Amino acid sequence: MLDFLRTQPYIRGMQANQIESRDLLEQCIDGSSLSAVLEMIEVICEEKAQHISENWQDEGLAKMWIRAAKRVSEATNSYPVIQLR
């Protein structure tokens, strides 16, 4: 399967672990919905921001994660929910 994927234009140059990560992400989307996965990513970004702020006192980096969370939230709200079941 990996050999086939590596021949695809959007996959060429990716490492095996990147392909596996992409496959896992696709399974998450297929198992729930794109909106649900985006919401999970939003929460992860927020949690990273809090962790960085509390443990590393790097407010600039924490703000970047908060902005990322907001952008993911905007994207989540911009697209219709597509259920694949």
N, C-alpha and C. Protein backbone atom coordinates (compact mmCIF):
# COMPACT_ATOMS: atom_id res chain seq x y z
N MET A 1 0.82 -1.20 0.00
CA MET A 1 0.00 0.00 0.00
C MET A 1 0.87 1.26 0.00
N LEU A 2 1.92 1.30 0.81
CA LEU A 2 2.79 2.48 0.85
C LEU A 2 3.44 2.73 -0.51
N ASP A 3 3.82 1.65 -1.21
CA ASP A 3 4.42 1.83 -2.54
C ASP A 3 3.45 2.52 -3.48
N PHE A 4 2.19 2.10 -3.46
CA PHE A 4 1.18 2.73 -4.31
C PHE A 4 1.01 4.20 -3.93
N LEU A 5 0.90 4.47 -2.62
CA LEU A 5 0.69 5.85 -2.18
C LEU A 5 1.84 6.76 -2.60
N ARG A 6 3.06 6.25 -2.55
CA ARG A 6 4.22 7.07 -2.91
C ARG A 6 4.21 7.49 -4.37
N THR A 7 3.45 6.79 -5.22
CA THR A 7 3.38 7.16 -6.63
C THR A 7 2.38 8.29 -6.88
N GLN A 8 1.56 8.60 -5.89
CA GLN A 8 0.55 9.64 -6.06
C GLN A 8 1.20 11.02 -5.94
N PRO A 9 0.80 11.97 -6.81
CA PRO A 9 1.46 13.28 -6.83
C PRO A 9 1.46 14.01 -5.48
N TYR A 10 0.38 13.91 -4.71
CA TYR A 10 0.31 14.63 -3.44
C TYR A 10 1.07 13.92 -2.33
N ILE A 11 1.59 12.73 -2.58
CA ILE A 11 2.29 11.94 -1.57
C ILE A 11 3.80 11.92 -1.81
N ARG A 12 4.23 12.08 -3.06
CA ARG A 12 5.66 11.98 -3.36
C ARG A 12 6.48 12.85 -2.43
N GLY A 13 7.56 12.32 -1.91
CA GLY A 13 8.43 13.08 -1.03
C GLY A 13 8.08 12.98 0.44
N MET A 14 6.92 12.41 0.76
CA MET A 14 6.54 12.26 2.15
C MET A 14 7.24 11.04 2.75
N GLN A 15 7.55 11.13 4.00
CA GLN A 15 8.14 10.01 4.73
C GLN A 15 7.04 9.03 5.12
N ALA A 16 7.43 7.80 5.41
CA ALA A 16 6.46 6.75 5.77
C ALA A 16 5.62 7.18 6.97
N ASN A 17 6.23 7.82 7.98
CA ASN A 17 5.46 8.22 9.15
C ASN A 17 4.45 9.32 8.81
N GLN A 18 4.78 10.17 7.83
CA GLN A 18 3.82 11.19 7.40
C GLN A 18 2.63 10.54 6.70
N ILE A 19 2.90 9.53 5.90
CA ILE A 19 1.82 8.82 5.21
C ILE A 19 0.94 8.12 6.24
N GLU A 20 1.55 7.48 7.23
CA GLU A 20 0.78 6.81 8.27
C GLU A 20 -0.05 7.82 9.06
N SER A 21 0.51 8.99 9.37
CA SER A 21 -0.23 10.03 10.08
C SER A 21 -1.40 10.52 9.24
N ARG A 22 -1.18 10.68 7.96
CA ARG A 22 -2.24 11.12 7.05
C ARG A 22 -3.35 10.08 7.02
N ASP A 23 -2.97 8.81 6.96
CA ASP A 23 -3.96 7.74 6.95
C ASP A 23 -4.77 7.73 8.25
N LEU A 24 -4.10 7.93 9.38
CA LEU A 24 -4.81 7.98 10.66
C LEU A 24 -5.78 9.15 10.71
N LEU A 25 -5.35 10.28 10.20
CA LEU A 25 -6.22 11.45 10.16
C LEU A 25 -7.44 11.18 9.28
N GLU A 26 -7.21 10.56 8.14
CA GLU A 26 -8.33 10.23 7.25
C GLU A 26 -9.30 9.27 7.94
N GLN A 27 -8.78 8.31 8.69
CA GLN A 27 -9.64 7.38 9.43
C GLN A 27 -10.47 8.11 10.47
N CYS A 28 -9.87 9.09 11.13
CA CYS A 28 -10.61 9.90 12.11
C CYS A 28 -11.75 10.65 11.43
N ILE A 29 -11.46 11.24 10.29
CA ILE A 29 -12.49 11.97 9.55
C ILE A 29 -13.59 11.02 9.10
N ASP A 30 -13.20 9.86 8.57
CA ASP A 30 -14.18 8.88 8.11
C ASP A 30 -15.00 8.34 9.28
N GLY A 31 -14.39 8.22 10.45
CA GLY A 31 -15.07 7.66 11.61
C GLY A 31 -16.03 8.62 12.29
N SER A 32 -15.84 9.90 12.08
CA SER A 32 -16.74 10.87 12.71
C SER A 32 -17.19 11.87 11.66
N SER A 33 -16.51 12.98 11.57
CA SER A 33 -16.80 13.97 10.54
C SER A 33 -15.63 14.95 10.49
N LEU A 34 -15.54 15.68 9.41
CA LEU A 34 -14.49 16.69 9.30
C LEU A 34 -14.65 17.73 10.39
N SER A 35 -15.88 18.14 10.65
CA SER A 35 -16.12 19.14 11.70
C SER A 35 -15.66 18.65 13.06
N ALA A 36 -15.92 17.38 13.37
CA ALA A 36 -15.51 16.83 14.67
C ALA A 36 -13.99 16.83 14.79
N VAL A 37 -13.29 16.47 13.72
CA VAL A 37 -11.83 16.44 13.74
C VAL A 37 -11.29 17.87 13.88
N LEU A 38 -11.88 18.81 13.18
CA LEU A 38 -11.44 20.20 13.31
C LEU A 38 -11.68 20.72 14.72
N GLU A 39 -12.79 20.34 15.34
CA GLU A 39 -13.04 20.74 16.72
C GLU A 39 -12.00 20.16 17.66
N MET A 40 -11.59 18.90 17.41
CA MET A 40 -10.55 18.28 18.23
C MET A 40 -9.23 19.04 18.07
N ILE A 41 -8.91 19.42 16.84
CA ILE A 41 -7.67 20.17 16.58
C ILE A 41 -7.73 21.52 17.28
N GLU A 42 -8.89 22.16 17.27
CA GLU A 42 -9.05 23.44 17.97
C GLU A 42 -8.74 23.27 19.46
N VAL A 43 -9.28 22.23 20.08
CA VAL A 43 -9.05 21.98 21.50
C VAL A 43 -7.58 21.70 21.77
N ILE A 44 -6.94 20.93 20.89
CA ILE A 44 -5.52 20.64 21.05
C ILE A 44 -4.70 21.93 21.00
N CYS A 45 -5.03 22.81 20.06
CA CYS A 45 -4.32 24.10 19.96
C CYS A 45 -4.49 24.91 21.23
N GLU A 46 -5.71 24.95 21.76
CA GLU A 46 -5.96 25.69 23.00
C GLU A 46 -5.19 25.10 24.17
N GLU A 47 -5.16 23.76 24.24
CA GLU A 47 -4.43 23.11 25.32
C GLU A 47 -2.93 23.34 25.21
N LYS A 48 -2.41 23.36 23.99
CA LYS A 48 -0.98 23.65 23.78
C LYS A 48 -0.68 25.08 24.24
N ALA A 49 -1.56 26.00 23.90
CA ALA A 49 -1.36 27.39 24.32
C ALA A 49 -1.31 27.51 25.83
N GLN A 50 -2.23 26.84 26.51
CA GLN A 50 -2.26 26.88 27.97
C GLN A 50 -1.00 26.25 28.56
N HIS A 51 -0.60 25.12 28.03
CA HIS A 51 0.60 24.44 28.52
C HIS A 51 1.84 25.32 28.34
N ILE A 52 1.98 25.92 27.18
CA ILE A 52 3.14 26.77 26.90
C ILE A 52 3.15 27.98 27.83
N SER A 53 1.97 28.57 28.00
CA SER A 53 1.86 29.74 28.87
C SER A 53 2.22 29.40 30.32
N GLU A 54 1.71 28.28 30.80
CA GLU A 54 1.91 27.92 32.21
C GLU A 54 3.30 27.35 32.49
N ASN A 55 3.85 26.59 31.54
CA ASN A 55 5.10 25.87 31.81
C ASN A 55 6.34 26.51 31.19
N TRP A 56 6.15 27.28 30.13
CA TRP A 56 7.31 27.86 29.45
C TRP A 56 7.30 29.38 29.51
N GLN A 57 6.21 29.96 29.98
CA GLN A 57 6.06 31.41 30.07
C GLN A 57 6.41 32.11 28.76
N ASP A 58 6.08 31.47 27.65
CA ASP A 58 6.33 32.05 26.33
C ASP A 58 4.99 32.53 25.77
N GLU A 59 4.63 33.75 26.15
CA GLU A 59 3.32 34.29 25.78
C GLU A 59 3.18 34.48 24.27
N GLY A 60 4.29 34.80 23.60
CA GLY A 60 4.23 34.96 22.14
C GLY A 60 3.84 33.66 21.45
N LEU A 61 4.47 32.57 21.84
CA LEU A 61 4.15 31.28 21.26
C LEU A 61 2.74 30.83 21.66
N ALA A 62 2.37 31.09 22.90
CA ALA A 62 1.02 30.74 23.35
C ALA A 62 -0.03 31.48 22.52
N LYS A 63 0.23 32.75 22.23
CA LYS A 63 -0.71 33.53 21.40
C LYS A 63 -0.81 32.97 19.99
N MET A 64 0.30 32.45 19.48
CA MET A 64 0.26 31.85 18.14
C MET A 64 -0.66 30.62 18.13
N TRP A 65 -0.61 29.83 19.21
CA TRP A 65 -1.48 28.66 19.30
C TRP A 65 -2.94 29.07 19.46
N ILE A 66 -3.18 30.16 20.20
CA ILE A 66 -4.56 30.67 20.35
C ILE A 66 -5.08 31.13 19.00
N ARG A 67 -4.24 31.84 18.23
CA ARG A 67 -4.66 32.28 16.89
C ARG A 67 -4.95 31.08 15.99
N ALA A 68 -4.12 30.05 16.11
CA ALA A 68 -4.36 28.84 15.32
C ALA A 68 -5.69 28.22 15.70
N ALA A 69 -5.99 28.18 16.99
CA ALA A 69 -7.27 27.63 17.45
C ALA A 69 -8.44 28.43 16.88
N LYS A 70 -8.31 29.75 16.87
CA LYS A 70 -9.38 30.60 16.33
C LYS A 70 -9.57 30.37 14.84
N ARG A 71 -8.48 30.22 14.11
CA ARG A 71 -8.59 29.97 12.67
C ARG A 71 -9.23 28.62 12.39
N VAL A 72 -8.86 27.63 13.17
CA VAL A 72 -9.48 26.31 13.00
C VAL A 72 -10.97 26.41 13.32
N SER A 73 -11.32 27.15 14.36
CA SER A 73 -12.72 27.34 14.71
C SER A 73 -13.48 28.02 13.59
N GLU A 74 -12.88 29.04 13.00
CA GLU A 74 -13.51 29.73 11.87
C GLU A 74 -13.71 28.78 10.70
N ALA A 75 -12.72 27.95 10.44
CA ALA A 75 -12.84 26.98 9.34
C ALA A 75 -13.94 25.97 9.65
N THR A 76 -14.02 25.54 10.89
CA THR A 76 -15.05 24.58 11.29
C THR A 76 -16.43 25.15 11.04
N ASN A 77 -16.60 26.42 11.35
CA ASN A 77 -17.91 27.06 11.21
C ASN A 77 -18.20 27.50 9.79
N SER A 78 -17.19 27.49 8.91
CA SER A 78 -17.36 27.96 7.55
C SER A 78 -17.87 26.90 6.59
N TYR A 79 -17.70 25.65 6.96
CA TYR A 79 -18.03 24.56 6.04
C TYR A 79 -19.17 23.74 6.60
N PRO A 80 -20.00 23.23 5.70
CA PRO A 80 -21.12 22.38 6.18
C PRO A 80 -20.59 21.08 6.76
N VAL A 81 -21.37 20.52 7.67
CA VAL A 81 -21.02 19.24 8.25
C VAL A 81 -21.31 18.16 7.21
N ILE A 82 -20.32 17.33 6.94
CA ILE A 82 -20.50 16.24 5.98
C ILE A 82 -20.32 14.93 6.75
N GLN A 83 -21.37 14.19 6.88
CA GLN A 83 -21.30 12.89 7.53
C GLN A 83 -21.03 11.85 6.45
N LEU A 84 -20.07 10.98 6.70
CA LEU A 84 -19.67 9.99 5.72
C LEU A 84 -20.20 8.60 6.04
N ARG A 85 -21.13 8.51 6.92
CA ARG A 85 -21.67 7.19 7.28
C ARG A 85 -22.89 6.89 6.49
